[in-house]
Amino acid sequence: NDVPVLRLKCRGAVKTDRLNYDNEGIISMPAAYAVRKPGKGGEITLGEGGYTDNFNPQTGSLEFKFNVATPGDYEIRLCTSRHWRRSFLKDTYVTVKVDNKKAEKVLLTETEMYRNVRSKSYPESWSALTTVEIKEPGEHTITLAVDKLGTFTKEGFYGEYTEGESDNNIRVMRVEAHLVGTPQQHAD
């Protein structure tokens, strides 16, 4: 009845913050790690899977903190999901701001659909929002807010159980920053 035990000895302090770090040029920031800034209609809440339950123009913004190891151009992408009986939202606008750079109002478009086992139940879509130059390594911030929530179409049988699926929500799974160019690449 021996229980295996693993002892981990660290050389320094263990980082236990919510800062998101680079992994081979991609910084993935789950919605559950974002600081939720309340809006006029309340605060963004999270569902069981750590996704947003009520992200809309009235519920404020999400603020993601991340660490850049390599300065360069980063494409900011948004991963959302939806019930499989709903289309991707049309005519939806979000505002994305990186650090103190001017905020951009962006039409949310489905850049690609992530193909996995959930594609038949809660498909995940990627939307490229903007590309920004980050000149300095270290901690940075992405702020995301909804300006206008668009519409979706119901697909197939309408009587299917979709209770808990709000029509007033963008279900954000995560935001990612992809390194797409470095100062060295620009010099070459």
Protein backbone atom coordinates (compact mmCIF):
# COMPACT_ATOMS: atom_id res chain seq x y z
CA ASN A 1 0.00 0.00 0.00
CA ASP A 2 2.84 2.38 -0.69
CA VAL A 3 1.81 5.72 -2.10
CA PRO A 4 4.34 7.17 -4.56
CA VAL A 5 5.53 10.60 -3.60
CA LEU A 6 7.34 13.06 -5.82
CA ARG A 7 9.47 15.72 -4.23
CA LEU A 8 10.23 18.77 -6.31
CA LYS A 9 13.06 21.02 -5.23
CA CYS A 10 13.22 24.42 -6.95
CA ARG A 11 16.22 26.72 -7.16
CA GLY A 12 14.09 29.80 -6.75
CA ALA A 13 10.60 30.96 -5.94
CA VAL A 14 7.78 29.27 -7.87
CA LYS A 15 5.72 31.67 -9.98
CA THR A 16 2.03 31.41 -9.09
CA ASP A 17 0.60 34.48 -10.78
CA ARG A 18 -1.92 34.74 -13.64
CA LEU A 19 0.63 36.06 -16.11
CA ASN A 20 0.60 34.06 -19.36
CA TYR A 21 3.94 33.05 -20.88
CA ASP A 22 5.31 32.37 -24.36
CA ASN A 23 5.43 28.78 -25.61
CA GLU A 24 7.34 28.60 -28.91
CA GLY A 25 6.00 31.91 -30.21
CA ILE A 26 2.41 31.47 -29.00
CA ILE A 27 1.04 33.01 -25.83
CA SER A 28 -2.30 31.42 -24.90
CA MET A 29 -4.48 33.32 -22.42
CA PRO A 30 -7.58 31.50 -21.09
CA ALA A 31 -10.67 33.61 -20.38
CA ALA A 32 -10.64 32.31 -16.81
CA TYR A 33 -7.25 34.02 -16.27
CA ALA A 34 -8.48 37.43 -17.39
CA VAL A 35 -9.28 40.24 -15.01
CA ARG A 36 -12.98 41.03 -15.51
CA LYS A 37 -13.69 44.77 -15.49
CA PRO A 38 -17.41 45.45 -14.81
CA GLY A 39 -19.56 47.46 -17.23
CA LYS A 40 -22.83 49.40 -16.91
CA GLY A 41 -24.84 46.16 -16.92
CA GLY A 42 -22.76 44.16 -14.47
CA GLU A 43 -19.73 41.90 -14.62
CA ILE A 44 -18.74 39.11 -16.99
CA THR A 45 -19.29 35.67 -15.47
CA LEU A 46 -17.62 32.38 -16.33
CA GLY A 47 -19.16 28.99 -17.09
CA GLU A 48 -17.96 25.60 -15.85
CA GLY A 49 -15.36 25.32 -18.62
CA GLY A 50 -13.83 28.71 -17.83
CA TYR A 51 -15.47 30.43 -20.84
CA THR A 52 -17.50 33.65 -20.67
CA ASP A 53 -21.22 33.30 -19.95
CA ASN A 54 -22.45 36.83 -20.57
CA PHE A 55 -19.82 38.78 -22.53
CA ASN A 56 -21.70 41.60 -24.24
CA PRO A 57 -21.60 45.42 -24.60
CA GLN A 58 -23.09 45.94 -21.10
CA THR A 59 -20.81 43.67 -19.04
CA GLY A 60 -17.46 45.38 -19.35
CA SER A 61 -14.14 44.04 -20.58
CA LEU A 62 -11.57 41.29 -20.17
CA GLU A 63 -7.97 42.22 -19.38
CA PHE A 64 -5.29 39.64 -20.15
CA LYS A 65 -1.73 39.99 -18.83
CA PHE A 66 1.07 38.23 -20.69
CA ASN A 67 4.84 38.08 -20.85
CA VAL A 68 6.74 38.62 -24.10
CA ALA A 69 10.16 36.98 -24.33
CA THR A 70 10.82 37.93 -27.97
CA PRO A 71 9.91 41.43 -29.21
CA GLY A 72 8.24 41.52 -32.62
CA ASP A 73 4.93 41.53 -34.46
CA TYR A 74 2.17 39.57 -32.75
CA GLU A 75 -1.12 38.56 -34.33
CA ILE A 76 -3.87 38.75 -31.71
CA ARG A 77 -6.45 35.98 -32.15
CA LEU A 78 -9.70 35.26 -30.35
CA CYS A 79 -11.02 31.73 -29.79
CA THR A 80 -14.78 31.46 -29.29
CA SER A 81 -17.24 28.57 -29.18
CA ARG A 82 -20.97 28.15 -29.63
CA HIS A 83 -23.70 25.53 -29.57
CA TRP A 84 -23.56 23.40 -32.71
CA ARG A 85 -27.08 24.47 -33.69
CA ARG A 86 -25.95 28.08 -34.02
CA SER A 87 -23.94 29.79 -36.72
CA PHE A 88 -20.94 32.01 -36.07
CA LEU A 89 -22.12 35.49 -34.97
CA LYS A 90 -22.54 37.92 -37.86
CA ASP A 91 -21.98 41.70 -37.60
CA THR A 92 -20.29 41.54 -34.20
CA TYR A 93 -17.73 44.21 -33.30
CA VAL A 94 -15.13 44.02 -30.55
CA THR A 95 -12.54 46.49 -29.34
CA VAL A 96 -9.02 45.23 -28.78
CA LYS A 97 -6.31 47.30 -27.11
CA VAL A 98 -2.72 46.21 -26.51
CA ASP A 99 -0.92 48.12 -23.77
CA ASN A 100 -1.41 51.85 -24.33
CA LYS A 101 -1.75 51.64 -28.10
CA LYS A 102 -4.89 53.06 -29.70
CA ALA A 103 -7.83 50.70 -29.32
CA GLU A 104 -9.13 49.17 -32.54
CA LYS A 105 -12.77 48.39 -33.26
CA VAL A 106 -12.74 45.11 -35.22
CA LEU A 107 -15.45 43.18 -37.07
CA LEU A 108 -15.35 39.66 -35.66
CA THR A 109 -14.91 37.20 -38.53
CA GLU A 110 -14.36 33.47 -38.47
CA THR A 111 -10.77 33.08 -39.69
CA GLU A 112 -10.80 29.32 -39.16
CA MET A 113 -12.72 26.64 -37.32
CA TYR A 114 -10.80 24.38 -34.96
CA ARG A 115 -11.44 20.76 -35.91
CA ASN A 116 -11.59 18.51 -32.85
CA VAL A 117 -13.97 16.21 -31.01
CA ARG A 118 -16.08 19.19 -29.85
CA SER A 119 -16.74 20.31 -33.44
CA LYS A 120 -20.03 18.40 -33.36
CA SER A 121 -21.22 19.88 -30.06
CA TYR A 122 -19.48 23.19 -29.28
CA PRO A 123 -17.36 24.16 -32.29
CA GLU A 124 -14.46 26.53 -31.65
CA SER A 125 -13.69 29.33 -34.08
CA TRP A 126 -10.61 31.51 -34.42
CA SER A 127 -10.84 35.18 -35.31
CA ALA A 128 -7.74 37.21 -36.20
CA LEU A 129 -8.28 40.59 -34.54
CA THR A 130 -5.16 42.65 -35.26
CA THR A 131 -1.38 42.53 -35.53
CA VAL A 132 0.65 44.72 -33.18
CA GLU A 133 4.33 45.44 -32.78
CA ILE A 134 5.64 44.80 -29.28
CA LYS A 135 9.05 46.42 -29.00
CA GLU A 136 10.07 45.45 -25.47
CA PRO A 137 10.20 42.09 -23.68
CA GLY A 138 8.30 41.81 -20.41
CA GLU A 139 4.73 42.16 -19.17
CA HIS A 140 2.01 43.46 -21.51
CA THR A 141 -1.79 43.74 -21.47
CA ILE A 142 -4.59 42.99 -23.95
CA THR A 143 -8.01 44.48 -23.20
CA LEU A 144 -11.03 43.07 -25.04
CA ALA A 145 -14.57 44.49 -25.02
CA VAL A 146 -17.73 43.93 -27.08
CA ASP A 147 -19.02 46.99 -28.97
CA LYS A 148 -21.91 45.41 -30.83
CA LEU A 149 -23.29 41.91 -30.49
CA GLY A 150 -24.46 40.60 -33.84
CA THR A 151 -26.85 37.85 -34.78
CA PHE A 152 -26.64 34.13 -35.47
CA THR A 153 -28.90 31.75 -37.31
CA LYS A 154 -30.30 28.57 -35.83
CA GLU A 155 -29.30 25.57 -37.85
CA GLY A 156 -31.36 22.41 -38.16
CA PHE A 157 -34.01 21.23 -35.68
CA TYR A 158 -35.14 24.15 -33.49
CA GLY A 159 -36.64 22.10 -30.68
CA GLU A 160 -33.28 20.87 -29.44
CA TYR A 161 -32.45 21.59 -25.83
CA THR A 162 -30.35 24.76 -25.75
CA GLU A 163 -31.28 26.05 -22.30
CA GLY A 164 -28.45 28.05 -20.82
CA GLU A 165 -27.33 29.22 -24.27
CA SER A 166 -27.60 32.99 -24.07
CA ASP A 167 -28.33 34.99 -27.21
CA ASN A 168 -26.56 37.88 -25.49
CA ASN A 169 -23.05 36.46 -25.25
CA ILE A 170 -19.81 35.87 -27.08
CA ARG A 171 -18.45 32.66 -25.53
CA VAL A 172 -14.74 33.49 -25.24
CA MET A 173 -12.48 30.51 -24.63
CA ARG A 174 -9.12 32.29 -24.89
CA VAL A 175 -7.05 34.98 -26.57
CA GLU A 176 -3.73 34.15 -28.19
CA ALA A 177 -0.78 36.25 -29.31
CA HIS A 178 1.18 34.60 -32.16
CA LEU A 179 4.68 35.83 -32.98
CA VAL A 180 4.58 36.46 -36.75
CA GLY A 181 7.74 38.54 -37.23
CA THR A 182 10.80 39.67 -35.32
CA PRO A 183 12.99 42.78 -35.71
CA GLN A 184 15.75 40.49 -37.07
CA GLN A 185 13.40 39.16 -39.79
CA HIS A 186 12.53 42.74 -40.76
CA ALA A 187 16.24 43.62 -41.05
CA ASP A 188 16.92 40.65 -43.37
